[in-house]
C-alpha atoms as a PDB file:
ATOM      1  CA  MET A   1       0.000   0.000   0.000  1.00  0.00           C
ATOM      2  CA  ALA A   2       2.925   2.319   0.649  1.00  0.00           C
ATOM      3  CA  GLY A   3       4.040   1.920  -2.966  1.00  0.00           C
ATOM      4  CA  VAL A   4       0.652   3.004  -4.238  1.00  0.00           C
ATOM      5  CA  LYS A   5       0.753   6.095  -2.024  1.00  0.00           C
ATOM      6  CA  ALA A   6       4.219   6.948  -3.311  1.00  0.00           C
ATOM      7  CA  LEU A   7       3.098   6.488  -6.905  1.00  0.00           C
ATOM      8  CA  VAL A   8       0.042   8.698  -6.355  1.00  0.00           C
ATOM      9  CA  GLY A   9       2.227  11.351  -4.708  1.00  0.00           C
ATOM     10  CA  LEU A  10       4.683  11.294  -7.591  1.00  0.00           C
ATOM     11  CA  SER A  11       1.824  11.541 -10.069  1.00  0.00           C
ATOM     12  CA  PHE A  12       0.455  14.555  -8.210  1.00  0.00           C
ATOM     13  CA  THR A  13       3.799  16.343  -8.266  1.00  0.00           C
ATOM     14  CA  GLY A  14       4.182  15.524 -11.954  1.00  0.00           C
ATOM     15  CA  VAL A  15       0.821  17.121 -12.643  1.00  0.00           C
ATOM     16  CA  ILE A  16       1.883  20.220 -10.713  1.00  0.00           C
ATOM     17  CA  GLY A  17       5.027  20.494 -12.849  1.00  0.00           C
ATOM     18  CA  LEU A  18       3.074  20.098 -16.076  1.00  0.00           C
ATOM     19  CA  THR A  19       0.594  22.724 -14.848  1.00  0.00           C
ATOM     20  CA  PHE A  20       3.447  25.200 -14.436  1.00  0.00           C
ATOM     21  CA  LEU A  21       4.599  24.376 -17.953  1.00  0.00           C
ATOM     22  CA  MET A  22       1.130  24.837 -19.414  1.00  0.00           C
ATOM     23  CA  LEU A  23       0.652  28.117 -17.540  1.00  0.00           C
ATOM     24  CA  GLY A  24       3.884  29.370 -19.051  1.00  0.00           C
ATOM     25  CA  CYS A  25       2.481  28.627 -22.486  1.00  0.00           C
ATOM     26  CA  ALA A  26      -1.231  29.335 -22.290  1.00  0.00           C
ATOM     27  CA  LEU A  27      -1.683  32.404 -20.103  1.00  0.00           C
ATOM     28  CA  GLU A  28      -3.057  35.346 -22.038  1.00  0.00           C
ATOM     29  CA  ASN A  29       0.022  37.498 -21.433  1.00  0.00           C
ATOM     30  CA  TYR A  30       2.367  34.838 -22.807  1.00  0.00           C
ATOM     31  CA  GLY A  31       0.370  32.915 -25.426  1.00  0.00           C
ATOM     32  CA  VAL A  32       3.359  31.285 -27.160  1.00  0.00           C
ATOM     33  CA  TYR A  33       3.792  27.531 -27.167  1.00  0.00           C
ATOM     34  CA  TRP A  34       7.545  27.336 -27.770  1.00  0.00           C
ATOM     35  CA  PRO A  35       8.247  26.205 -24.182  1.00  0.00           C
ATOM     36  CA  LEU A  36       6.451  22.925 -24.876  1.00  0.00           C
ATOM     37  CA  PHE A  37       9.646  21.706 -26.524  1.00  0.00           C
ATOM     38  CA  VAL A  38      10.931  20.859 -23.029  1.00  0.00           C
ATOM     39  CA  LEU A  39       8.546  17.889 -23.122  1.00  0.00           C
ATOM     40  CA  ILE A  40      11.130  16.211 -25.356  1.00  0.00           C
ATOM     41  CA  PHE A  41      13.684  16.521 -22.549  1.00  0.00           C
ATOM     42  CA  TYR A  42      11.186  15.088 -20.051  1.00  0.00           C
ATOM     43  CA  ALA A  43      10.730  12.044 -22.269  1.00  0.00           C
ATOM     44  CA  ILE A  44      14.425  11.346 -22.933  1.00  0.00           C
ATOM     45  CA  CYS A  45      15.707  12.126 -19.438  1.00  0.00           C
ATOM     46  CA  PRO A  46      15.387   8.594 -17.950  1.00  0.00           C
ATOM     47  CA  ILE A  47      16.545   6.756 -21.088  1.00  0.00           C
ATOM     48  CA  PRO A  48      20.331   6.799 -20.389  1.00  0.00           C
ATOM     49  CA  HIS A  49      19.778   5.520 -16.850  1.00  0.00           C
ATOM     50  CA  LEU A  50      17.471   2.738 -18.022  1.00  0.00           C
ATOM     51  CA  ILE A  51      19.912   1.660 -20.740  1.00  0.00           C
ATOM     52  CA  ALA A  52      22.850   1.701 -18.317  1.00  0.00           C
ATOM     53  CA  LYS A  53      20.885  -0.348 -15.811  1.00  0.00           C
ATOM     54  CA  ARG A  54      20.204  -3.016 -18.440  1.00  0.00           C
ATOM     55  CA  VAL A  55      23.683  -3.023 -20.000  1.00  0.00           C
ATOM     56  CA  SER A  56      25.924  -2.825 -16.942  1.00  0.00           C
ATOM     57  CA  ASP A  57      26.742  -5.935 -14.987  1.00  0.00           C
ATOM     58  CA  ASP A  58      25.051  -6.531 -11.663  1.00  0.00           C
ATOM     59  CA  THR A  59      28.173  -6.291  -9.556  1.00  0.00           C
ATOM     60  CA  ASP A  60      28.048  -3.973  -6.584  1.00  0.00           C
ATOM     61  CA  ALA A  61      31.031  -1.961  -7.729  1.00  0.00           C
ATOM     62  CA  ALA A  62      31.183   1.623  -6.544  1.00  0.00           C
ATOM     63  CA  SER A  63      31.348   2.896 -10.102  1.00  0.00           C
ATOM     64  CA  SER A  64      31.136   1.668 -13.657  1.00  0.00           C
ATOM     65  CA  ALA A  65      31.914   3.454 -16.889  1.00  0.00           C
ATOM     66  CA  CYS A  66      28.471   2.752 -18.290  1.00  0.00           C
ATOM     67  CA  ARG A  67      26.734   4.208 -15.239  1.00  0.00           C
ATOM     68  CA  GLU A  68      28.982   7.252 -15.220  1.00  0.00           C
ATOM     69  CA  LEU A  69      28.264   7.886 -18.904  1.00  0.00           C
ATOM     70  CA  ALA A  70      24.533   7.597 -18.192  1.00  0.00           C
ATOM     71  CA  TYR A  71      24.854  10.159 -15.376  1.00  0.00           C
ATOM     72  CA  PHE A  72      26.769  12.469 -17.704  1.00  0.00           C
ATOM     73  CA  LEU A  73      24.183  12.205 -20.485  1.00  0.00           C
ATOM     74  CA  THR A  74      21.296  12.668 -18.063  1.00  0.00           C
ATOM     75  CA  THR A  75      22.981  15.758 -16.637  1.00  0.00           C
ATOM     76  CA  GLY A  76      23.349  17.160 -20.144  1.00  0.00           C
ATOM     77  CA  ILE A  77      19.669  16.552 -20.844  1.00  0.00           C
ATOM     78  CA  VAL A  78      18.576  18.230 -17.611  1.00  0.00           C
ATOM     79  CA  VAL A  79      20.843  21.247 -18.162  1.00  0.00           C
ATOM     80  CA  SER A  80      19.514  21.561 -21.709  1.00  0.00           C
ATOM     81  CA  ALA A  81      15.945  21.529 -20.428  1.00  0.00           C
ATOM     82  CA  PHE A  82      16.772  24.416 -18.109  1.00  0.00           C
ATOM     83  CA  GLY A  83      18.740  26.243 -20.803  1.00  0.00           C
ATOM     84  CA  LEU A  84      16.100  26.139 -23.542  1.00  0.00           C
ATOM     85  CA  PRO A  85      13.581  28.484 -21.866  1.00  0.00           C
ATOM     86  CA  ILE A  86      16.370  30.874 -20.891  1.00  0.00           C
ATOM     87  CA  ILE A  87      17.615  31.010 -24.494  1.00  0.00           C
ATOM     88  CA  LEU A  88      14.055  31.489 -25.755  1.00  0.00           C
ATOM     89  CA  ALA A  89      13.567  34.378 -23.320  1.00  0.00           C
ATOM     90  CA  ARG A  90      16.899  35.978 -24.265  1.00  0.00           C
ATOM     91  CA  VAL A  91      15.974  36.053 -27.957  1.00  0.00           C
ATOM     92  CA  GLU A  92      12.523  37.330 -26.954  1.00  0.00           C
ATOM     93  CA  ALA A  93      10.633  34.355 -28.378  1.00  0.00           C
ATOM     94  CA  ILE A  94       8.924  34.052 -24.979  1.00  0.00           C
ATOM     95  CA  LYS A  95       8.551  36.459 -22.094  1.00  0.00           C
ATOM     96  CA  TRP A  96      10.576  36.196 -18.904  1.00  0.00           C
ATOM     97  CA  GLY A  97       7.479  35.376 -16.846  1.00  0.00           C
ATOM     98  CA  ALA A  98       6.816  32.370 -19.047  1.00  0.00           C
ATOM     99  CA  CYS A  99      10.474  31.426 -18.658  1.00  0.00           C
ATOM    100  CA  GLY A 100      10.098  31.501 -14.874  1.00  0.00           C
ATOM    101  CA  LEU A 101       7.017  29.295 -14.976  1.00  0.00           C
ATOM    102  CA  VAL A 102       8.730  26.806 -17.277  1.00  0.00           C
ATOM    103  CA  LEU A 103      11.801  26.718 -15.022  1.00  0.00           C
ATOM    104  CA  ALA A 104       9.563  26.069 -12.006  1.00  0.00           C
ATOM    105  CA  GLY A 105       7.859  23.272 -13.928  1.00  0.00           C
ATOM    106  CA  ASN A 106      11.250  21.838 -14.907  1.00  0.00           C
ATOM    107  CA  SER A 107      12.336  21.781 -11.276  1.00  0.00           C
ATOM    108  CA  VAL A 108       9.209  19.967 -10.157  1.00  0.00           C
ATOM    109  CA  ILE A 109       9.246  17.459 -13.031  1.00  0.00           C
ATOM    110  CA  PHE A 110      12.915  16.546 -12.678  1.00  0.00           C
ATOM    111  CA  LEU A 111      12.599  16.194  -8.907  1.00  0.00           C
ATOM    112  CA  THR A 112       9.639  13.907  -9.573  1.00  0.00           C
ATOM    113  CA  VAL A 113      11.725  11.782 -11.968  1.00  0.00           C
ATOM    114  CA  LEU A 114      14.518  11.653  -9.373  1.00  0.00           C
ATOM    115  CA  GLY A 115      12.029  10.650  -6.681  1.00  0.00           C
ATOM    116  CA  PHE A 116      10.661   7.912  -8.895  1.00  0.00           C
ATOM    117  CA  PHE A 117      14.075   6.370  -9.431  1.00  0.00           C
ATOM    118  CA  LEU A 118      14.995   6.715  -5.757  1.00  0.00           C
ATOM    119  CA  LEU A 119      11.775   5.064  -4.591  1.00  0.00           C
ATOM    120  CA  PHE A 120      11.320   2.378  -7.216  1.00  0.00           C
ATOM    121  CA  GLY A 121      14.781   1.767  -8.649  1.00  0.00           C
ATOM    122  CA  ARG A 122      16.516   0.098  -5.726  1.00  0.00           C
ATOM    123  CA  GLY A 123      16.254  -3.441  -7.022  1.00  0.00           C
ATOM    124  CA  ASP A 124      14.775  -4.922  -3.856  1.00  0.00           C
ATOM    125  CA  ASP A 125      11.501  -6.843  -3.763  1.00  0.00           C
ATOM    126  CA  PHE A 126       9.508  -3.634  -4.287  1.00  0.00           C
ATOM    127  CA  SER A 127      10.697  -2.289  -7.597  1.00  0.00           C
ATOM    128  CA  TRP A 128       9.358  -0.127 -10.410  1.00  0.00           C
ATOM    129  CA  GLU A 129       9.736  -3.117 -12.728  1.00  0.00           C
ATOM    130  CA  GLN A 130       6.583  -4.656 -11.282  1.00  0.00           C
ATOM    131  CA  TRP A 131       4.504  -1.778 -12.653  1.00  0.00           C
END
């Protein structure tokens, strides 16, 4: 039952993050949908970690090259997701208020993704793989 509560809580925080993103796009003062391109970063963010988890051996080594590469690629994706709205605001494609809302949404979404992998990616008997 605790896993269901955690999953519902993560879903709720994900919805809050997406609400910030949609507010940054759809409010009357902003009205430009360019910030929705960060959805691509949301979708590809967990992919390097999932690939590294499947490819790397199951030894309990402190570090592996595959895992470190996955962390590096994930960091690049997250930084790019934060950089895109800032670049769009600097070239005046979106307003700075929309940029702030998108950055708030990015923070919430990426903390939700991190929480998901911390809660369900441990590899014990209660794992995200059962979903």
